[in-house]
Amino acid sequence: MALKHHEKYKDHKIVRTLIDPTDYVDMRIRLNHDEMSYVSLMAGLVKLYIEQDQDMLTVVDKIKKQTENRKKRIAKAKKEGKESLKTFGIDKEDIENIFDVLEQDFPEL
């Protein structure tokens, strides 16, 4: 019986997320190995997060650091890109011209 039709879950909310297909398969394998359902895993994680479980807070901090590091790498790459454009004397009009030439030479793109 689907969860949304089960009386026990009538007041519950559905939470969805997007993950890489490979990660999804790996997660399902791990869940099977640990004899857990996806629903029980997610419900448990949410409960630990809400209750500010110390182990969960460690995981949350680790995720936050990964996100911050990713943002820093992106910002650095953007800055380096702008500096490269300045170094080579390329402005916005030059970039548009490059794309115009590419479009003419490779219309299938």
PDB file of N, CA and C in Angstrom:
ATOM      1  N   MET A   1       0.847  -1.177   0.000  1.00  0.00           N
ATOM      2  CA  MET A   1       0.000   0.000   0.000  1.00  0.00           C
ATOM      3  C   MET A   1       0.896   1.245   0.000  1.00  0.00           C
ATOM      4  N   ALA A   2       0.623   2.181  -0.859  1.00  0.00           N
ATOM      5  CA  ALA A   2       1.415   3.409  -0.927  1.00  0.00           C
ATOM      6  C   ALA A   2       1.230   4.221   0.351  1.00  0.00           C
ATOM      7  N   LEU A   3       2.318   4.888   0.765  1.00  0.00           N
ATOM      8  CA  LEU A   3       2.271   5.668   2.005  1.00  0.00           C
ATOM      9  C   LEU A   3       1.174   6.724   2.003  1.00  0.00           C
ATOM     10  N   LYS A   4       0.998   7.396   0.895  1.00  0.00           N
ATOM     11  CA  LYS A   4       0.030   8.489   0.874  1.00  0.00           C
ATOM     12  C   LYS A   4      -1.404   8.002   1.054  1.00  0.00           C
ATOM     13  N   HIS A   5      -1.639   6.712   0.841  1.00  0.00           N
ATOM     14  CA  HIS A   5      -2.985   6.169   1.000  1.00  0.00           C
ATOM     15  C   HIS A   5      -3.164   5.450   2.331  1.00  0.00           C
ATOM     16  N   HIS A   6      -2.119   5.329   3.091  1.00  0.00           N
ATOM     17  CA  HIS A   6      -2.180   4.613   4.355  1.00  0.00           C
ATOM     18  C   HIS A   6      -2.678   5.559   5.444  1.00  0.00           C
ATOM     19  N   GLU A   7      -3.688   5.138   6.178  1.00  0.00           N
ATOM     20  CA  GLU A   7      -4.316   5.968   7.221  1.00  0.00           C
ATOM     21  C   GLU A   7      -3.299   6.489   8.236  1.00  0.00           C
ATOM     22  N   LYS A   8      -2.337   5.659   8.589  1.00  0.00           N
ATOM     23  CA  LYS A   8      -1.323   6.035   9.583  1.00  0.00           C
ATOM     24  C   LYS A   8      -0.550   7.290   9.170  1.00  0.00           C
ATOM     25  N   TYR A   9      -0.394   7.495   7.865  1.00  0.00           N
ATOM     26  CA  TYR A   9       0.434   8.590   7.366  1.00  0.00           C
ATOM     27  C   TYR A   9      -0.364   9.753   6.802  1.00  0.00           C
ATOM     28  N   LYS A  10      -1.657   9.817   7.078  1.00  0.00           N
ATOM     29  CA  LYS A  10      -2.497  10.835   6.436  1.00  0.00           C
ATOM     30  C   LYS A  10      -2.074  12.271   6.751  1.00  0.00           C
ATOM     31  N   ASP A  11      -1.477  12.527   7.916  1.00  0.00           N
ATOM     32  CA  ASP A  11      -1.060  13.879   8.277  1.00  0.00           C
ATOM     33  C   ASP A  11       0.427  14.139   8.044  1.00  0.00           C
ATOM     34  N   HIS A  12       1.121  13.182   7.466  1.00  0.00           N
ATOM     35  CA  HIS A  12       2.563  13.318   7.236  1.00  0.00           C
ATOM     36  C   HIS A  12       2.834  14.075   5.936  1.00  0.00           C
ATOM     37  N   LYS A  13       4.026  14.628   5.824  1.00  0.00           N
ATOM     38  CA  LYS A  13       4.456  15.352   4.631  1.00  0.00           C
ATOM     39  C   LYS A  13       5.473  14.516   3.865  1.00  0.00           C
ATOM     40  N   ILE A  14       5.485  14.671   2.564  1.00  0.00           N
ATOM     41  CA  ILE A  14       6.448  13.986   1.709  1.00  0.00           C
ATOM     42  C   ILE A  14       7.604  14.948   1.453  1.00  0.00           C
ATOM     43  N   VAL A  15       8.813  14.460   1.648  1.00  0.00           N
ATOM     44  CA  VAL A  15      10.017  15.252   1.408  1.00  0.00           C
ATOM     45  C   VAL A  15      10.760  14.617   0.247  1.00  0.00           C
ATOM     46  N   ARG A  16      11.123  15.413  -0.736  1.00  0.00           N
ATOM     47  CA  ARG A  16      11.841  14.905  -1.911  1.00  0.00           C
ATOM     48  C   ARG A  16      13.174  15.623  -2.051  1.00  0.00           C
ATOM     49  N   THR A  17      14.105  14.932  -2.667  1.00  0.00           N
ATOM     50  CA  THR A  17      15.398  15.534  -2.926  1.00  0.00           C
ATOM     51  C   THR A  17      15.959  14.979  -4.224  1.00  0.00           C
ATOM     52  N   LEU A  18      16.889  15.694  -4.808  1.00  0.00           N
ATOM     53  CA  LEU A  18      17.554  15.238  -6.023  1.00  0.00           C
ATOM     54  C   LEU A  18      18.959  14.780  -5.667  1.00  0.00           C
ATOM     55  N   ILE A  19      19.301  13.578  -6.101  1.00  0.00           N
ATOM     56  CA  ILE A  19      20.657  13.083  -5.902  1.00  0.00           C
ATOM     57  C   ILE A  19      21.145  12.442  -7.189  1.00  0.00           C
ATOM     58  N   ASP A  20      22.441  12.307  -7.284  1.00  0.00           N
ATOM     59  CA  ASP A  20      23.072  11.674  -8.435  1.00  0.00           C
ATOM     60  C   ASP A  20      22.549  10.235  -8.563  1.00  0.00           C
ATOM     61  N   PRO A  21      22.281   9.775  -9.785  1.00  0.00           N
ATOM     62  CA  PRO A  21      21.756   8.413  -9.964  1.00  0.00           C
ATOM     63  C   PRO A  21      22.663   7.328  -9.360  1.00  0.00           C
ATOM     64  N   THR A  22      23.964   7.507  -9.462  1.00  0.00           N
ATOM     65  CA  THR A  22      24.889   6.528  -8.885  1.00  0.00           C
ATOM     66  C   THR A  22      24.782   6.521  -7.364  1.00  0.00           C
ATOM     67  N   ASP A  23      24.684   7.711  -6.767  1.00  0.00           N
ATOM     68  CA  ASP A  23      24.515   7.796  -5.316  1.00  0.00           C
ATOM     69  C   ASP A  23      23.207   7.137  -4.886  1.00  0.00           C
ATOM     70  N   TYR A  24      22.170   7.295  -5.700  1.00  0.00           N
ATOM     71  CA  TYR A  24      20.877   6.681  -5.385  1.00  0.00           C
ATOM     72  C   TYR A  24      21.006   5.157  -5.328  1.00  0.00           C
ATOM     73  N   VAL A  25      21.646   4.595  -6.345  1.00  0.00           N
ATOM     74  CA  VAL A  25      21.823   3.143  -6.393  1.00  0.00           C
ATOM     75  C   VAL A  25      22.657   2.684  -5.199  1.00  0.00           C
ATOM     76  N   ASP A  26      23.754   3.397  -4.928  1.00  0.00           N
ATOM     77  CA  ASP A  26      24.612   3.036  -3.792  1.00  0.00           C
ATOM     78  C   ASP A  26      23.848   3.125  -2.468  1.00  0.00           C
ATOM     79  N   MET A  27      23.002   4.145  -2.342  1.00  0.00           N
ATOM     80  CA  MET A  27      22.205   4.292  -1.125  1.00  0.00           C
ATOM     81  C   MET A  27      21.244   3.118  -0.977  1.00  0.00           C
ATOM     82  N   ARG A  28      20.574   2.740  -2.063  1.00  0.00           N
ATOM     83  CA  ARG A  28      19.624   1.625  -2.002  1.00  0.00           C
ATOM     84  C   ARG A  28      20.335   0.325  -1.623  1.00  0.00           C
ATOM     85  N   ILE A  29      21.537   0.133  -2.133  1.00  0.00           N
ATOM     86  CA  ILE A  29      22.318  -1.054  -1.790  1.00  0.00           C
ATOM     87  C   ILE A  29      22.647  -1.046  -0.300  1.00  0.00           C
ATOM     88  N   ARG A  30      23.100   0.128   0.204  1.00  0.00           N
ATOM     89  CA  ARG A  30      23.427   0.239   1.629  1.00  0.00           C
ATOM     90  C   ARG A  30      22.194   0.017   2.500  1.00  0.00           C
ATOM     91  N   LEU A  31      21.064   0.579   2.089  1.00  0.00           N
ATOM     92  CA  LEU A  31      19.827   0.398   2.849  1.00  0.00           C
ATOM     93  C   LEU A  31      19.440  -1.074   2.897  1.00  0.00           C
ATOM     94  N   ASN A  32      19.578  -1.753   1.769  1.00  0.00           N
ATOM     95  CA  ASN A  32      19.274  -3.177   1.724  1.00  0.00           C
ATOM     96  C   ASN A  32      20.219  -3.943   2.651  1.00  0.00           C
ATOM     97  N   HIS A  33      21.490  -3.613   2.590  1.00  0.00           N
ATOM     98  CA  HIS A  33      22.487  -4.267   3.444  1.00  0.00           C
ATOM     99  C   HIS A  33      22.170  -4.053   4.925  1.00  0.00           C
ATOM    100  N   ASP A  34      21.745  -2.835   5.271  1.00  0.00           N
ATOM    101  CA  ASP A  34      21.438  -2.503   6.667  1.00  0.00           C
ATOM    102  C   ASP A  34      20.005  -2.861   7.061  1.00  0.00           C
ATOM    103  N   GLU A  35      19.282  -3.450   6.105  1.00  0.00           N
ATOM    104  CA  GLU A  35      17.882  -3.855   6.331  1.00  0.00           C
ATOM    105  C   GLU A  35      17.032  -2.689   6.831  1.00  0.00           C
ATOM    106  N   MET A  36      17.148  -1.563   6.107  1.00  0.00           N
ATOM    107  CA  MET A  36      16.377  -0.353   6.428  1.00  0.00           C
ATOM    108  C   MET A  36      15.617   0.104   5.202  1.00  0.00           C
ATOM    109  N   SER A  37      14.526   0.792   5.430  1.00  0.00           N
ATOM    110  CA  SER A  37      13.809   1.428   4.327  1.00  0.00           C
ATOM    111  C   SER A  37      14.291   2.874   4.206  1.00  0.00           C
ATOM    112  N   TYR A  38      14.086   3.438   3.039  1.00  0.00           N
ATOM    113  CA  TYR A  38      14.421   4.840   2.810  1.00  0.00           C
ATOM    114  C   TYR A  38      13.620   5.724   3.761  1.00  0.00           C
ATOM    115  N   VAL A  39      12.343   5.396   3.940  1.00  0.00           N
ATOM    116  CA  VAL A  39      11.472   6.197   4.805  1.00  0.00           C
ATOM    117  C   VAL A  39      11.993   6.194   6.240  1.00  0.00           C
ATOM    118  N   SER A  40      12.381   5.028   6.745  1.00  0.00           N
ATOM    119  CA  SER A  40      12.865   4.977   8.129  1.00  0.00           C
ATOM    120  C   SER A  40      14.194   5.718   8.278  1.00  0.00           C
ATOM    121  N   LEU A  41      15.060   5.622   7.266  1.00  0.00           N
ATOM    122  CA  LEU A  41      16.324   6.363   7.310  1.00  0.00           C
ATOM    123  C   LEU A  41      16.065   7.862   7.370  1.00  0.00           C
ATOM    124  N   MET A  42      15.246   8.365   6.456  1.00  0.00           N
ATOM    125  CA  MET A  42      15.000   9.799   6.390  1.00  0.00           C
ATOM    126  C   MET A  42      14.278  10.300   7.642  1.00  0.00           C
ATOM    127  N   ALA A  43      13.299   9.542   8.108  1.00  0.00           N
ATOM    128  CA  ALA A  43      12.571   9.942   9.315  1.00  0.00           C
ATOM    129  C   ALA A  43      13.532   9.997  10.506  1.00  0.00           C
ATOM    130  N   GLY A  44      14.433   9.025  10.594  1.00  0.00           N
ATOM    131  CA  GLY A  44      15.417   9.010  11.674  1.00  0.00           C
ATOM    132  C   GLY A  44      16.383  10.172  11.599  1.00  0.00           C
ATOM    133  N   LEU A  45      16.850  10.475  10.380  1.00  0.00           N
ATOM    134  CA  LEU A  45      17.768  11.606  10.211  1.00  0.00           C
ATOM    135  C   LEU A  45      17.103  12.928  10.586  1.00  0.00           C
ATOM    136  N   VAL A  46      15.875  13.106  10.151  1.00  0.00           N
ATOM    137  CA  VAL A  46      15.146  14.339  10.465  1.00  0.00           C
ATOM    138  C   VAL A  46      14.972  14.469  11.972  1.00  0.00           C
ATOM    139  N   LYS A  47      14.606  13.383  12.622  1.00  0.00           N
ATOM    140  CA  LYS A  47      14.399  13.405  14.070  1.00  0.00           C
ATOM    141  C   LYS A  47      15.702  13.763  14.791  1.00  0.00           C
ATOM    142  N   LEU A  48      16.808  13.156  14.391  1.00  0.00           N
ATOM    143  CA  LEU A  48      18.107  13.453  15.005  1.00  0.00           C
ATOM    144  C   LEU A  48      18.494  14.916  14.782  1.00  0.00           C
ATOM    145  N   TYR A  49      18.207  15.433  13.600  1.00  0.00           N
ATOM    146  CA  TYR A  49      18.516  16.829  13.278  1.00  0.00           C
ATOM    147  C   TYR A  49      17.700  17.776  14.157  1.00  0.00           C
ATOM    148  N   ILE A  50      16.421  17.515  14.262  1.00  0.00           N
ATOM    149  CA  ILE A  50      15.537  18.356  15.074  1.00  0.00           C
ATOM    150  C   ILE A  50      15.947  18.326  16.545  1.00  0.00           C
ATOM    151  N   GLU A  51      16.296  17.145  17.024  1.00  0.00           N
ATOM    152  CA  GLU A  51      16.673  16.982  18.429  1.00  0.00           C
ATOM    153  C   GLU A  51      18.097  17.464  18.717  1.00  0.00           C
ATOM    154  N   GLN A  52      18.799  17.933  17.677  1.00  0.00           N
ATOM    155  CA  GLN A  52      20.170  18.429  17.819  1.00  0.00           C
ATOM    156  C   GLN A  52      21.115  17.369  18.402  1.00  0.00           C
ATOM    157  N   ASP A  53      20.935  16.126  17.935  1.00  0.00           N
ATOM    158  CA  ASP A  53      21.809  15.033  18.337  1.00  0.00           C
ATOM    159  C   ASP A  53      23.253  15.405  18.005  1.00  0.00           C
ATOM    160  N   GLN A  54      24.160  15.181  18.937  1.00  0.00           N
ATOM    161  CA  GLN A  54      25.553  15.610  18.772  1.00  0.00           C
ATOM    162  C   GLN A  54      26.215  14.983  17.548  1.00  0.00           C
ATOM    163  N   ASP A  55      25.966  13.693  17.314  1.00  0.00           N
ATOM    164  CA  ASP A  55      26.541  13.040  16.133  1.00  0.00           C
ATOM    165  C   ASP A  55      25.982  13.652  14.848  1.00  0.00           C
ATOM    166  N   MET A  56      24.690  13.953  14.855  1.00  0.00           N
ATOM    167  CA  MET A  56      24.076  14.567  13.678  1.00  0.00           C
ATOM    168  C   MET A  56      24.628  15.963  13.450  1.00  0.00           C
ATOM    169  N   LEU A  57      24.860  16.716  14.512  1.00  0.00           N
ATOM    170  CA  LEU A  57      25.424  18.056  14.374  1.00  0.00           C
ATOM    171  C   LEU A  57      26.826  17.996  13.779  1.00  0.00           C
ATOM    172  N   THR A  58      27.568  16.952  14.098  1.00  0.00           N
ATOM    173  CA  THR A  58      28.893  16.770  13.503  1.00  0.00           C
ATOM    174  C   THR A  58      28.767  16.572  11.995  1.00  0.00           C
ATOM    175  N   VAL A  59      27.791  15.758  11.596  1.00  0.00           N
ATOM    176  CA  VAL A  59      27.542  15.527  10.171  1.00  0.00           C
ATOM    177  C   VAL A  59      27.098  16.825   9.491  1.00  0.00           C
ATOM    178  N   VAL A  60      26.203  17.560  10.123  1.00  0.00           N
ATOM    179  CA  VAL A  60      25.718  18.826   9.556  1.00  0.00           C
ATOM    180  C   VAL A  60      26.875  19.805   9.383  1.00  0.00           C
ATOM    181  N   ASP A  61      27.746  19.905  10.381  1.00  0.00           N
ATOM    182  CA  ASP A  61      28.910  20.790  10.268  1.00  0.00           C
ATOM    183  C   ASP A  61      29.811  20.371   9.112  1.00  0.00           C
ATOM    184  N   LYS A  62      29.992  19.085   8.938  1.00  0.00           N
ATOM    185  CA  LYS A  62      30.818  18.574   7.838  1.00  0.00           C
ATOM    186  C   LYS A  62      30.208  18.960   6.490  1.00  0.00           C
ATOM    187  N   ILE A  63      28.895  18.813   6.368  1.00  0.00           N
ATOM    188  CA  ILE A  63      28.200  19.180   5.127  1.00  0.00           C
ATOM    189  C   ILE A  63      28.304  20.677   4.882  1.00  0.00           C
ATOM    190  N   LYS A  64      28.135  21.488   5.935  1.00  0.00           N
ATOM    191  CA  LYS A  64      28.231  22.943   5.799  1.00  0.00           C
ATOM    192  C   LYS A  64      29.622  23.350   5.314  1.00  0.00           C
ATOM    193  N   LYS A  65      30.660  22.717   5.845  1.00  0.00           N
ATOM    194  CA  LYS A  65      32.030  23.029   5.422  1.00  0.00           C
ATOM    195  C   LYS A  65      32.242  22.665   3.969  1.00  0.00           C
ATOM    196  N   GLN A  66      31.700  21.516   3.537  1.00  0.00           N
ATOM    197  CA  GLN A  66      31.824  21.122   2.132  1.00  0.00           C
ATOM    198  C   GLN A  66      31.143  22.145   1.236  1.00  0.00           C
ATOM    199  N   THR A  67      29.971  22.618   1.650  1.00  0.00           N
ATOM    200  CA  THR A  67      29.232  23.617   0.876  1.00  0.00           C
ATOM    201  C   THR A  67      29.999  24.936   0.824  1.00  0.00           C
ATOM    202  N   GLU A  68      30.549  25.353   1.967  1.00  0.00           N
ATOM    203  CA  GLU A  68      31.330  26.589   2.010  1.00  0.00           C
ATOM    204  C   GLU A  68      32.567  26.481   1.124  1.00  0.00           C
ATOM    205  N   ASN A  69      33.254  25.345   1.179  1.00  0.00           N
ATOM    206  CA  ASN A  69      34.438  25.144   0.345  1.00  0.00           C
ATOM    207  C   ASN A  69      34.087  25.186  -1.132  1.00  0.00           C
ATOM    208  N   ARG A  70      32.955  24.600  -1.490  1.00  0.00           N
ATOM    209  CA  ARG A  70      32.517  24.617  -2.889  1.00  0.00           C
ATOM    210  C   ARG A  70      32.230  26.053  -3.333  1.00  0.00           C
ATOM    211  N   LYS A  71      31.546  26.818  -2.483  1.00  0.00           N
ATOM    212  CA  LYS A  71      31.244  28.213  -2.816  1.00  0.00           C
ATOM    213  C   LYS A  71      32.523  29.019  -2.984  1.00  0.00           C
ATOM    214  N   LYS A  72      33.506  28.767  -2.117  1.00  0.00           N
ATOM    215  CA  LYS A  72      34.782  29.478  -2.208  1.00  0.00           C
ATOM    216  C   LYS A  72      35.499  29.133  -3.510  1.00  0.00           C
ATOM    217  N   ARG A  73      35.485  27.834  -3.896  1.00  0.00           N
ATOM    218  CA  ARG A  73      36.141  27.425  -5.140  1.00  0.00           C
ATOM    219  C   ARG A  73      35.474  28.083  -6.345  1.00  0.00           C
ATOM    220  N   ILE A  74      34.150  28.162  -6.339  1.00  0.00           N
ATOM    221  CA  ILE A  74      33.417  28.786  -7.441  1.00  0.00           C
ATOM    222  C   ILE A  74      33.749  30.268  -7.517  1.00  0.00           C
ATOM    223  N   ALA A  75      33.732  30.951  -6.367  1.00  0.00           N
ATOM    224  CA  ALA A  75      34.049  32.381  -6.340  1.00  0.00           C
ATOM    225  C   ALA A  75      35.474  32.620  -6.836  1.00  0.00           C
ATOM    226  N   LYS A  76      36.406  31.777  -6.423  1.00  0.00           N
ATOM    227  CA  LYS A  76      37.801  31.913  -6.846  1.00  0.00           C
ATOM    228  C   LYS A  76      37.922  31.711  -8.352  1.00  0.00           C
ATOM    229  N   ALA A  77      37.225  30.714  -8.885  1.00  0.00           N
ATOM    230  CA  ALA A  77      37.271  30.445 -10.321  1.00  0.00           C
ATOM    231  C   ALA A  77      36.692  31.619 -11.115  1.00  0.00           C
ATOM    232  N   LYS A  78      35.604  32.205 -10.622  1.00  0.00           N
ATOM    233  CA  LYS A  78      35.018  33.371 -11.295  1.00  0.00           C
ATOM    234  C   LYS A  78      35.992  34.545 -11.288  1.00  0.00           C
ATOM    235  N   LYS A  79      36.621  34.772 -10.135  1.00  0.00           N
ATOM    236  CA  LYS A  79      37.570  35.877 -10.013  1.00  0.00           C
ATOM    237  C   LYS A  79      38.750  35.664 -10.962  1.00  0.00           C
ATOM    238  N   GLU A  80      39.274  34.433 -10.994  1.00  0.00           N
ATOM    239  CA  GLU A  80      40.397  34.133 -11.883  1.00  0.00           C
ATOM    240  C   GLU A  80      39.993  34.300 -13.340  1.00  0.00           C
ATOM    241  N   GLY A  81      38.761  33.931 -13.669  1.00  0.00           N
ATOM    242  CA  GLY A  81      38.266  34.094 -15.036  1.00  0.00           C
ATOM    243  C   GLY A  81      38.213  35.562 -15.440  1.00  0.00           C
ATOM    244  N   LYS A  82      37.710  36.405 -14.532  1.00  0.00           N
ATOM    245  CA  LYS A  82      37.650  37.838 -14.811  1.00  0.00           C
ATOM    246  C   LYS A  82      39.046  38.424 -14.964  1.00  0.00           C
ATOM    247  N   GLU A  83      39.964  37.973 -14.108  1.00  0.00           N
ATOM    248  CA  GLU A  83      41.339  38.459 -14.196  1.00  0.00           C
ATOM    249  C   GLU A  83      41.991  38.028 -15.510  1.00  0.00           C
ATOM    250  N   SER A  84      41.702  36.824 -15.957  1.00  0.00           N
ATOM    251  CA  SER A  84      42.244  36.341 -17.232  1.00  0.00           C
ATOM    252  C   SER A  84      41.717  37.175 -18.385  1.00  0.00           C
ATOM    253  N   LEU A  85      40.434  37.513 -18.335  1.00  0.00           N
ATOM    254  CA  LEU A  85      39.863  38.348 -19.386  1.00  0.00           C
ATOM    255  C   LEU A  85      40.550  39.701 -19.419  1.00  0.00           C
ATOM    256  N   LYS A  86      40.807  40.285 -18.247  1.00  0.00           N
ATOM    257  CA  LYS A  86      41.503  41.572 -18.181  1.00  0.00           C
ATOM    258  C   LYS A  86      42.923  41.447 -18.703  1.00  0.00           C
ATOM    259  N   THR A  87      43.608  40.374 -18.305  1.00  0.00           N
ATOM    260  CA  THR A  87      44.996  40.161 -18.725  1.00  0.00           C
ATOM    261  C   THR A  87      45.108  40.112 -20.243  1.00  0.00           C
ATOM    262  N   PHE A  88      44.156  39.447 -20.876  1.00  0.00           N
ATOM    263  CA  PHE A  88      44.201  39.311 -22.326  1.00  0.00           C
ATOM    264  C   PHE A  88      43.448  40.435 -23.038  1.00  0.00           C
ATOM    265  N   GLY A  89      42.941  41.391 -22.290  1.00  0.00           N
ATOM    266  CA  GLY A  89      42.261  42.545 -22.873  1.00  0.00           C
ATOM    267  C   GLY A  89      40.950  42.193 -23.554  1.00  0.00           C
ATOM    268  N   ILE A  90      40.247  41.210 -23.026  1.00  0.00           N
ATOM    269  CA  ILE A  90      38.979  40.782 -23.623  1.00  0.00           C
ATOM    270  C   ILE A  90      37.835  41.414 -22.831  1.00  0.00           C
ATOM    271  N   ASP A  91      36.916  42.063 -23.569  1.00  0.00           N
ATOM    272  CA  ASP A  91      35.760  42.647 -22.900  1.00  0.00           C
ATOM    273  C   ASP A  91      34.487  41.926 -23.339  1.00  0.00           C
ATOM    274  N   LYS A  92      33.364  42.400 -22.845  1.00  0.00           N
ATOM    275  CA  LYS A  92      32.084  41.747 -23.112  1.00  0.00           C
ATOM    276  C   LYS A  92      31.781  41.694 -24.615  1.00  0.00           C
ATOM    277  N   GLU A  93      32.099  42.771 -25.324  1.00  0.00           N
ATOM    278  CA  GLU A  93      31.847  42.811 -26.770  1.00  0.00           C
ATOM    279  C   GLU A  93      32.685  41.767 -27.502  1.00  0.00           C
ATOM    280  N   ASP A  94      33.935  41.599 -27.071  1.00  0.00           N
ATOM    281  CA  ASP A  94      34.794  40.580 -27.674  1.00  0.00           C
ATOM    282  C   ASP A  94      34.205  39.180 -27.487  1.00  0.00           C
ATOM    283  N   ILE A  95      33.694  38.931 -26.308  1.00  0.00           N
ATOM    284  CA  ILE A  95      33.096  37.620 -26.026  1.00  0.00           C
ATOM    285  C   ILE A  95      31.893  37.387 -26.932  1.00  0.00           C
ATOM    286  N   GLU A  96      31.052  38.408 -27.091  1.00  0.00           N
ATOM    287  CA  GLU A  96      29.891  38.287 -27.972  1.00  0.00           C
ATOM    288  C   GLU A  96      30.334  38.026 -29.404  1.00  0.00           C
ATOM    289  N   ASN A  97      31.391  38.696 -29.830  1.00  0.00           N
ATOM    290  CA  ASN A  97      31.908  38.478 -31.185  1.00  0.00           C
ATOM    291  C   ASN A  97      32.409  37.044 -31.358  1.00  0.00           C
ATOM    292  N   ILE A  98      33.063  36.521 -30.350  1.00  0.00           N
ATOM    293  CA  ILE A  98      33.553  35.138 -30.411  1.00  0.00           C
ATOM    294  C   ILE A  98      32.376  34.182 -30.585  1.00  0.00           C
ATOM    295  N   PHE A  99      31.316  34.409 -29.822  1.00  0.00           N
ATOM    296  CA  PHE A  99      30.147  33.537 -29.937  1.00  0.00           C
ATOM    297  C   PHE A  99      29.457  33.703 -31.290  1.00  0.00           C
ATOM    298  N   ASP A 100      29.457  34.912 -31.836  1.00  0.00           N
ATOM    299  CA  ASP A 100      28.889  35.129 -33.171  1.00  0.00           C
ATOM    300  C   ASP A 100      29.664  34.345 -34.221  1.00  0.00           C
ATOM    301  N   VAL A 101      30.984  34.379 -34.128  1.00  0.00           N
ATOM    302  CA  VAL A 101      31.828  33.642 -35.081  1.00  0.00           C
ATOM    303  C   VAL A 101      31.586  32.141 -34.935  1.00  0.00           C
ATOM    304  N   LEU A 102      31.537  31.666 -33.721  1.00  0.00           N
ATOM    305  CA  LEU A 102      31.282  30.250 -33.495  1.00  0.00           C
ATOM    306  C   LEU A 102      29.924  29.839 -34.062  1.00  0.00           C
ATOM    307  N   GLU A 103      28.949  30.697 -33.865  1.00  0.00           N
ATOM    308  CA  GLU A 103      27.594  30.406 -34.358  1.00  0.00           C
ATOM    309  C   GLU A 103      27.587  30.330 -35.876  1.00  0.00           C
ATOM    310  N   GLN A 104      28.346  31.202 -36.542  1.00  0.00           N
ATOM    311  CA  GLN A 104      28.410  31.188 -38.002  1.00  0.00           C
ATOM    312  C   GLN A 104      29.150  29.941 -38.497  1.00  0.00           C
ATOM    313  N   ASP A 105      30.239  29.593 -37.839  1.00  0.00           N
ATOM    314  CA  ASP A 105      31.047  28.459 -38.279  1.00  0.00           C
ATOM    315  C   ASP A 105      30.440  27.111 -37.899  1.00  0.00           C
ATOM    316  N   PHE A 106      29.696  27.093 -36.810  1.00  0.00           N
ATOM    317  CA  PHE A 106      29.106  25.846 -36.325  1.00  0.00           C
ATOM    318  C   PHE A 106      27.631  26.068 -35.979  1.00  0.00           C
ATOM    319  N   PRO A 107      26.784  26.209 -37.001  1.00  0.00           N
ATOM    320  CA  PRO A 107      25.369  26.519 -36.749  1.00  0.00           C
ATOM    321  C   PRO A 107      24.638  25.409 -35.976  1.00  0.00           C
ATOM    322  N   GLU A 108      25.167  24.185 -36.021  1.00  0.00           N
ATOM    323  CA  GLU A 108      24.501  23.088 -35.304  1.00  0.00           C
ATOM    324  C   GLU A 108      24.646  23.187 -33.790  1.00  0.00           C
ATOM    325  N   LEU A 109      25.547  24.040 -33.316  1.00  0.00           N
ATOM    326  CA  LEU A 109      25.743  24.194 -31.873  1.00  0.00           C
ATOM    327  C   LEU A 109      24.643  24.992 -31.296  1.00  0.00           C
TER     328      LEU A 109
END
